[in-house]
Structures are given as C-alpha cells and as structure tokens.
C-alpha cells in the first residue's frame, strides 16, 4: 500500500474475545526504527455478524511481493 518497511520491523498482534465470542478486540503494536519514531498502536473491535455476506478480496500479487522478503 505504498508504506515502506524496514528490516528491523517488529509487530505484536493481540486478540481478545469478549461477550462469549460475539465481539473481539484486535490490537496491533508496530515498531520500525528505520521509518517510525517510537511505536504505533492500533486497536479495533470486530463484531460477530453471521447474517452478513462475506465480500471477496482479490490480492494483487505485484503489490504483495513488496512485503515478502526475497
């Protein structure tokens, strides 16, 4: 997505189920001393919604290659 990533990047993902599995919080902590000063924390809440239709997401291989080391 155009965001550079350094060789020392470190990501921690934390998942927590709430309300008997009907909600989930996802927390991402990112450190990348080459591109970010300090650390970045992002948290979001997901809600279980079985009535919703899944939407297709096509991964673009040319974009994905930028994030995979050779």
PDB file of N, CA and C in Angstrom:
ATOM      1  N   UNK A   1       0.819  -1.187   0.000  1.00  0.00           N
ATOM      2  CA  UNK A   1       0.000   0.000   0.000  1.00  0.00           C
ATOM      3  C   UNK A   1       0.860   1.247   0.000  1.00  0.00           C
ATOM      4  N   UNK A   2       2.111   1.100  -0.390  1.00  0.00           N
ATOM      5  CA  UNK A   2       2.974   2.258  -0.512  1.00  0.00           C
ATOM      6  C   UNK A   2       3.694   2.642   0.765  1.00  0.00           C
ATOM      7  N   UNK A   3       3.517   1.897   1.845  1.00  0.00           N
ATOM      8  CA  UNK A   3       4.180   2.220   3.100  1.00  0.00           C
ATOM      9  C   UNK A   3       5.463   1.417   3.191  1.00  0.00           C
ATOM     10  N   UNK A   4       6.619   2.084   3.324  1.00  0.00           N
ATOM     11  CA  UNK A   4       7.878   1.340   3.402  1.00  0.00           C
ATOM     12  C   UNK A   4       7.985   0.566   4.709  1.00  0.00           C
ATOM     13  N   UNK A   5       8.833  -0.445   4.701  1.00  0.00           N
ATOM     14  CA  UNK A   5       9.014  -1.307   5.855  1.00  0.00           C
ATOM     15  C   UNK A   5      10.490  -1.645   5.985  1.00  0.00           C
ATOM     16  N   UNK A   6      11.033  -1.503   7.201  1.00  0.00           N
ATOM     17  CA  UNK A   6      12.448  -1.776   7.420  1.00  0.00           C
ATOM     18  C   UNK A   6      12.707  -3.212   7.857  1.00  0.00           C
ATOM     19  N   UNK A   7      13.968  -3.592   7.802  1.00  0.00           N
ATOM     20  CA  UNK A   7      14.368  -4.953   8.161  1.00  0.00           C
ATOM     21  C   UNK A   7      14.197  -5.237   9.652  1.00  0.00           C
ATOM     22  N   UNK A   8      14.152  -4.186  10.496  1.00  0.00           N
ATOM     23  CA  UNK A   8      14.013  -4.366  11.936  1.00  0.00           C
ATOM     24  C   UNK A   8      12.571  -4.209  12.412  1.00  0.00           C
ATOM     25  N   UNK A   9      11.641  -4.204  11.490  1.00  0.00           N
ATOM     26  CA  UNK A   9      10.236  -4.038  11.869  1.00  0.00           C
ATOM     27  C   UNK A   9       9.808  -5.170  12.804  1.00  0.00           C
ATOM     28  N   UNK A  10       9.039  -4.790  13.828  1.00  0.00           N
ATOM     29  CA  UNK A  10       8.552  -5.767  14.805  1.00  0.00           C
ATOM     30  C   UNK A  10       7.072  -5.486  15.035  1.00  0.00           C
ATOM     31  N   UNK A  11       6.235  -6.511  14.886  1.00  0.00           N
ATOM     32  CA  UNK A  11       4.790  -6.360  15.049  1.00  0.00           C
ATOM     33  C   UNK A  11       4.306  -7.349  16.102  1.00  0.00           C
ATOM     34  N   UNK A  12       3.486  -6.856  17.028  1.00  0.00           N
ATOM     35  CA  UNK A  12       2.837  -7.716  18.015  1.00  0.00           C
ATOM     36  C   UNK A  12       1.336  -7.584  17.793  1.00  0.00           C
ATOM     37  N   UNK A  13       0.656  -8.716  17.654  1.00  0.00           N
ATOM     38  CA  UNK A  13      -0.800  -8.733  17.488  1.00  0.00           C
ATOM     39  C   UNK A  13      -1.413  -9.380  18.720  1.00  0.00           C
ATOM     40  N   UNK A  14      -2.422  -8.724  19.284  1.00  0.00           N
ATOM     41  CA  UNK A  14      -3.132  -9.276  20.444  1.00  0.00           C
ATOM     42  C   UNK A  14      -4.608  -9.378  20.095  1.00  0.00           C
ATOM     43  N   UNK A  15      -5.194 -10.534  20.387  1.00  0.00           N
ATOM     44  CA  UNK A  15      -6.609 -10.778  20.120  1.00  0.00           C
ATOM     45  C   UNK A  15      -7.298 -11.106  21.439  1.00  0.00           C
ATOM     46  N   UNK A  16      -8.460 -10.509  21.676  1.00  0.00           N
ATOM     47  CA  UNK A  16      -9.199 -10.772  22.907  1.00  0.00           C
ATOM     48  C   UNK A  16     -10.679 -10.956  22.573  1.00  0.00           C
ATOM     49  N   UNK A  17     -11.229 -12.117  22.973  1.00  0.00           N
ATOM     50  CA  UNK A  17     -12.657 -12.379  22.767  1.00  0.00           C
ATOM     51  C   UNK A  17     -13.452 -11.776  23.916  1.00  0.00           C
ATOM     52  N   UNK A  18     -14.594 -11.184  23.573  1.00  0.00           N
ATOM     53  CA  UNK A  18     -15.482 -10.567  24.551  1.00  0.00           C
ATOM     54  C   UNK A  18     -16.893 -11.087  24.345  1.00  0.00           C
ATOM     55  N   UNK A  19     -17.715 -10.951  25.349  1.00  0.00           N
ATOM     56  CA  UNK A  19     -19.131 -11.307  25.264  1.00  0.00           C
ATOM     57  C   UNK A  19     -19.352 -12.725  24.709  1.00  0.00           C
ATOM     58  N   UNK A  20     -18.603 -13.668  25.234  1.00  0.00           N
ATOM     59  CA  UNK A  20     -18.773 -15.057  24.821  1.00  0.00           C
ATOM     60  C   UNK A  20     -18.443 -15.306  23.362  1.00  0.00           C
ATOM     61  N   UNK A  21     -17.546 -14.511  22.791  1.00  0.00           N
ATOM     62  CA  UNK A  21     -17.138 -14.695  21.398  1.00  0.00           C
ATOM     63  C   UNK A  21     -17.938 -13.881  20.401  1.00  0.00           C
ATOM     64  N   UNK A  22     -18.822 -13.004  20.870  1.00  0.00           N
ATOM     65  CA  UNK A  22     -19.617 -12.188  19.947  1.00  0.00           C
ATOM     66  C   UNK A  22     -18.913 -10.900  19.540  1.00  0.00           C
ATOM     67  N   UNK A  23     -17.853 -10.560  20.265  1.00  0.00           N
ATOM     68  CA  UNK A  23     -17.036  -9.403  19.932  1.00  0.00           C
ATOM     69  C   UNK A  23     -15.574  -9.794  20.107  1.00  0.00           C
ATOM     70  N   UNK A  24     -14.704  -9.097  19.397  1.00  0.00           N
ATOM     71  CA  UNK A  24     -13.276  -9.359  19.517  1.00  0.00           C
ATOM     72  C   UNK A  24     -12.533  -8.043  19.353  1.00  0.00           C
ATOM     73  N   UNK A  25     -11.552  -7.805  20.222  1.00  0.00           N
ATOM     74  CA  UNK A  25     -10.679  -6.660  20.011  1.00  0.00           C
ATOM     75  C   UNK A  25      -9.372  -7.167  19.425  1.00  0.00           C
ATOM     76  N   UNK A  26      -8.850  -6.404  18.490  1.00  0.00           N
ATOM     77  CA  UNK A  26      -7.571  -6.704  17.856  1.00  0.00           C
ATOM     78  C   UNK A  26      -6.676  -5.500  18.101  1.00  0.00           C
ATOM     79  N   UNK A  27      -5.510  -5.734  18.692  1.00  0.00           N
ATOM     80  CA  UNK A  27      -4.566  -4.654  18.932  1.00  0.00           C
ATOM     81  C   UNK A  27      -3.271  -4.974  18.196  1.00  0.00           C
ATOM     82  N   UNK A  28      -2.778  -4.020  17.445  1.00  0.00           N
ATOM     83  CA  UNK A  28      -1.516  -4.161  16.721  1.00  0.00           C
ATOM     84  C   UNK A  28      -0.530  -3.151  17.277  1.00  0.00           C
ATOM     85  N   UNK A  29       0.651  -3.601  17.622  1.00  0.00           N
ATOM     86  CA  UNK A  29       1.714  -2.700  18.054  1.00  0.00           C
ATOM     87  C   UNK A  29       2.857  -2.837  17.057  1.00  0.00           C
ATOM     88  N   UNK A  30       3.275  -1.731  16.481  1.00  0.00           N
ATOM     89  CA  UNK A  30       4.279  -1.735  15.415  1.00  0.00           C
ATOM     90  C   UNK A  30       5.469  -0.883  15.819  1.00  0.00           C
ATOM     91  N   UNK A  31       6.647  -1.451  15.679  1.00  0.00           N
ATOM     92  CA  UNK A  31       7.897  -0.719  15.862  1.00  0.00           C
ATOM     93  C   UNK A  31       8.728  -0.925  14.608  1.00  0.00           C
ATOM     94  N   UNK A  32       9.242   0.141  14.061  1.00  0.00           N
ATOM     95  CA  UNK A  32      10.106   0.075  12.881  1.00  0.00           C
ATOM     96  C   UNK A  32      11.059   1.265  12.955  1.00  0.00           C
ATOM     97  N   UNK A  33      12.215   1.087  13.636  1.00  0.00           N
ATOM     98  CA  UNK A  33      13.116   2.214  13.878  1.00  0.00           C
ATOM     99  C   UNK A  33      13.622   2.892  12.600  1.00  0.00           C
ATOM    100  N   UNK A  34      13.549   2.212  11.487  1.00  0.00           N
ATOM    101  CA  UNK A  34      14.009   2.811  10.226  1.00  0.00           C
ATOM    102  C   UNK A  34      13.000   3.836   9.690  1.00  0.00           C
ATOM    103  N   UNK A  35      11.705   3.641   9.971  1.00  0.00           N
ATOM    104  CA  UNK A  35      10.678   4.501   9.394  1.00  0.00           C
ATOM    105  C   UNK A  35       9.753   5.173  10.406  1.00  0.00           C
ATOM    106  N   UNK A  36       9.739   4.706  11.678  1.00  0.00           N
ATOM    107  CA  UNK A  36       8.814   5.242  12.669  1.00  0.00           C
ATOM    108  C   UNK A  36       9.586   5.605  13.931  1.00  0.00           C
ATOM    109  N   UNK A  37       9.320   6.798  14.467  1.00  0.00           N
ATOM    110  CA  UNK A  37       9.899   7.190  15.746  1.00  0.00           C
ATOM    111  C   UNK A  37       8.970   6.673  16.843  1.00  0.00           C
ATOM    112  N   UNK A  38       9.492   5.858  17.737  1.00  0.00           N
ATOM    113  CA  UNK A  38       8.670   5.274  18.786  1.00  0.00           C
ATOM    114  C   UNK A  38       7.904   4.077  18.269  1.00  0.00           C
ATOM    115  N   UNK A  39       6.726   3.851  18.850  1.00  0.00           N
ATOM    116  CA  UNK A  39       5.906   2.731  18.395  1.00  0.00           C
ATOM    117  C   UNK A  39       4.512   3.239  18.056  1.00  0.00           C
ATOM    118  N   UNK A  40       3.811   2.471  17.264  1.00  0.00           N
ATOM    119  CA  UNK A  40       2.457   2.816  16.861  1.00  0.00           C
ATOM    120  C   UNK A  40       1.540   1.713  17.360  1.00  0.00           C
ATOM    121  N   UNK A  41       0.433   2.088  17.982  1.00  0.00           N
ATOM    122  CA  UNK A  41      -0.535   1.115  18.471  1.00  0.00           C
ATOM    123  C   UNK A  41      -1.882   1.413  17.822  1.00  0.00           C
ATOM    124  N   UNK A  42      -2.512   0.365  17.301  1.00  0.00           N
ATOM    125  CA  UNK A  42      -3.832   0.499  16.691  1.00  0.00           C
ATOM    126  C   UNK A  42      -4.722  -0.585  17.288  1.00  0.00           C
ATOM    127  N   UNK A  43      -5.925  -0.201  17.663  1.00  0.00           N
ATOM    128  CA  UNK A  43      -6.863  -1.179  18.217  1.00  0.00           C
ATOM    129  C   UNK A  43      -8.206  -1.019  17.530  1.00  0.00           C
ATOM    130  N   UNK A  44      -8.842  -2.132  17.234  1.00  0.00           N
ATOM    131  CA  UNK A  44     -10.181  -2.102  16.652  1.00  0.00           C
ATOM    132  C   UNK A  44     -11.017  -3.208  17.250  1.00  0.00           C
ATOM    133  N   UNK A  45     -12.323  -3.013  17.181  1.00  0.00           N
ATOM    134  CA  UNK A  45     -13.253  -4.009  17.695  1.00  0.00           C
ATOM    135  C   UNK A  45     -14.027  -4.596  16.525  1.00  0.00           C
ATOM    136  N   UNK A  46     -14.122  -5.905  16.518  1.00  0.00           N
ATOM    137  CA  UNK A  46     -14.872  -6.607  15.490  1.00  0.00           C
ATOM    138  C   UNK A  46     -16.094  -7.243  16.128  1.00  0.00           C
ATOM    139  N   UNK A  47     -17.202  -7.256  15.411  1.00  0.00           N
ATOM    140  CA  UNK A  47     -18.459  -7.780  15.924  1.00  0.00           C
ATOM    141  C   UNK A  47     -18.857  -8.993  15.089  1.00  0.00           C
ATOM    142  N   UNK A  48     -19.200 -10.087  15.765  1.00  0.00           N
ATOM    143  CA  UNK A  48     -19.659 -11.297  15.087  1.00  0.00           C
ATOM    144  C   UNK A  48     -21.012 -11.009  14.440  1.00  0.00           C
ATOM    145  N   UNK A  49     -21.095 -11.194  13.141  1.00  0.00           N
ATOM    146  CA  UNK A  49     -22.329 -10.902  12.400  1.00  0.00           C
ATOM    147  C   UNK A  49     -22.548 -11.986  11.345  1.00  0.00           C
ATOM    148  N   UNK A  50     -23.045 -13.172  11.760  1.00  0.00           N
ATOM    149  CA  UNK A  50     -23.190 -14.284  10.818  1.00  0.00           C
ATOM    150  C   UNK A  50     -24.194 -14.004   9.699  1.00  0.00           C
ATOM    151  N   UNK A  51     -25.062 -13.023   9.866  1.00  0.00           N
ATOM    152  CA  UNK A  51     -26.038 -12.698   8.837  1.00  0.00           C
ATOM    153  C   UNK A  51     -25.419 -11.913   7.672  1.00  0.00           C
ATOM    154  N   UNK A  52     -24.224 -11.383   7.872  1.00  0.00           N
ATOM    155  CA  UNK A  52     -23.571 -10.588   6.824  1.00  0.00           C
ATOM    156  C   UNK A  52     -22.925 -11.507   5.786  1.00  0.00           C
ATOM    157  N   UNK A  53     -22.963 -11.094   4.546  1.00  0.00           N
ATOM    158  CA  UNK A  53     -22.319 -11.828   3.465  1.00  0.00           C
ATOM    159  C   UNK A  53     -20.828 -11.475   3.424  1.00  0.00           C
ATOM    160  N   UNK A  54     -20.006 -12.464   3.190  1.00  0.00           N
ATOM    161  CA  UNK A  54     -18.572 -12.218   3.027  1.00  0.00           C
ATOM    162  C   UNK A  54     -18.356 -11.526   1.691  1.00  0.00           C
ATOM    163  N   UNK A  55     -17.437 -10.591   1.663  1.00  0.00           N
ATOM    164  CA  UNK A  55     -17.117  -9.940   0.396  1.00  0.00           C
ATOM    165  C   UNK A  55     -15.749 -10.422  -0.070  1.00  0.00           C
ATOM    166  N   UNK A  56     -15.648 -10.639  -1.337  1.00  0.00           N
ATOM    167  CA  UNK A  56     -14.419 -11.147  -1.935  1.00  0.00           C
ATOM    168  C   UNK A  56     -13.351 -10.053  -1.931  1.00  0.00           C
ATOM    169  N   UNK A  57     -12.109 -10.442  -1.632  1.00  0.00           N
ATOM    170  CA  UNK A  57     -10.974  -9.527  -1.675  1.00  0.00           C
ATOM    171  C   UNK A  57      -9.883 -10.196  -2.495  1.00  0.00           C
ATOM    172  N   UNK A  58      -9.607  -9.641  -3.644  1.00  0.00           N
ATOM    173  CA  UNK A  58      -8.570 -10.198  -4.506  1.00  0.00           C
ATOM    174  C   UNK A  58      -7.224  -9.568  -4.171  1.00  0.00           C
ATOM    175  N   UNK A  59      -6.281 -10.395  -3.820  1.00  0.00           N
ATOM    176  CA  UNK A  59      -4.940  -9.942  -3.507  1.00  0.00           C
ATOM    177  C   UNK A  59      -4.185  -9.694  -4.809  1.00  0.00           C
ATOM    178  N   UNK A  60      -3.539  -8.555  -4.907  1.00  0.00           N
ATOM    179  CA  UNK A  60      -2.753  -8.219  -6.092  1.00  0.00           C
ATOM    180  C   UNK A  60      -1.325  -8.735  -5.873  1.00  0.00           C
ATOM    181  N   UNK A  61      -0.910  -9.800  -6.568  1.00  0.00           N
ATOM    182  CA  UNK A  61       0.416 -10.385  -6.343  1.00  0.00           C
ATOM    183  C   UNK A  61       1.561  -9.387  -6.515  1.00  0.00           C
ATOM    184  N   UNK A  62       1.453  -8.441  -7.431  1.00  0.00           N
ATOM    185  CA  UNK A  62       2.546  -7.488  -7.640  1.00  0.00           C
ATOM    186  C   UNK A  62       2.695  -6.569  -6.427  1.00  0.00           C
ATOM    187  N   UNK A  63       1.598  -6.234  -5.772  1.00  0.00           N
ATOM    188  CA  UNK A  63       1.662  -5.410  -4.564  1.00  0.00           C
ATOM    189  C   UNK A  63       2.157  -6.250  -3.394  1.00  0.00           C
ATOM    190  N   UNK A  64       1.685  -7.471  -3.283  1.00  0.00           N
ATOM    191  CA  UNK A  64       2.054  -8.347  -2.180  1.00  0.00           C
ATOM    192  C   UNK A  64       3.554  -8.624  -2.171  1.00  0.00           C
ATOM    193  N   UNK A  65       4.168  -8.758  -3.322  1.00  0.00           N
ATOM    194  CA  UNK A  65       5.607  -9.051  -3.396  1.00  0.00           C
ATOM    195  C   UNK A  65       6.454  -8.009  -2.681  1.00  0.00           C
ATOM    196  N   UNK A  66       5.954  -6.774  -2.592  1.00  0.00           N
ATOM    197  CA  UNK A  66       6.727  -5.722  -1.914  1.00  0.00           C
ATOM    198  C   UNK A  66       6.878  -6.004  -0.426  1.00  0.00           C
ATOM    199  N   UNK A  67       6.003  -6.831   0.153  1.00  0.00           N
ATOM    200  CA  UNK A  67       6.021  -7.090   1.581  1.00  0.00           C
ATOM    201  C   UNK A  67       6.643  -8.426   1.940  1.00  0.00           C
ATOM    202  N   UNK A  68       7.102  -9.192   0.960  1.00  0.00           N
ATOM    203  CA  UNK A  68       7.676 -10.504   1.194  1.00  0.00           C
ATOM    204  C   UNK A  68       9.167 -10.453   0.865  1.00  0.00           C
ATOM    205  N   UNK A  69      10.026 -10.772   1.847  1.00  0.00           N
ATOM    206  CA  UNK A  69      11.464 -10.740   1.556  1.00  0.00           C
ATOM    207  C   UNK A  69      11.842 -11.800   0.533  1.00  0.00           C
ATOM    208  N   UNK A  70      12.837 -11.490  -0.249  1.00  0.00           N
ATOM    209  CA  UNK A  70      13.297 -12.445  -1.277  1.00  0.00           C
ATOM    210  C   UNK A  70      14.351 -13.365  -0.743  1.00  0.00           C
TER     211      UNK A  70
END
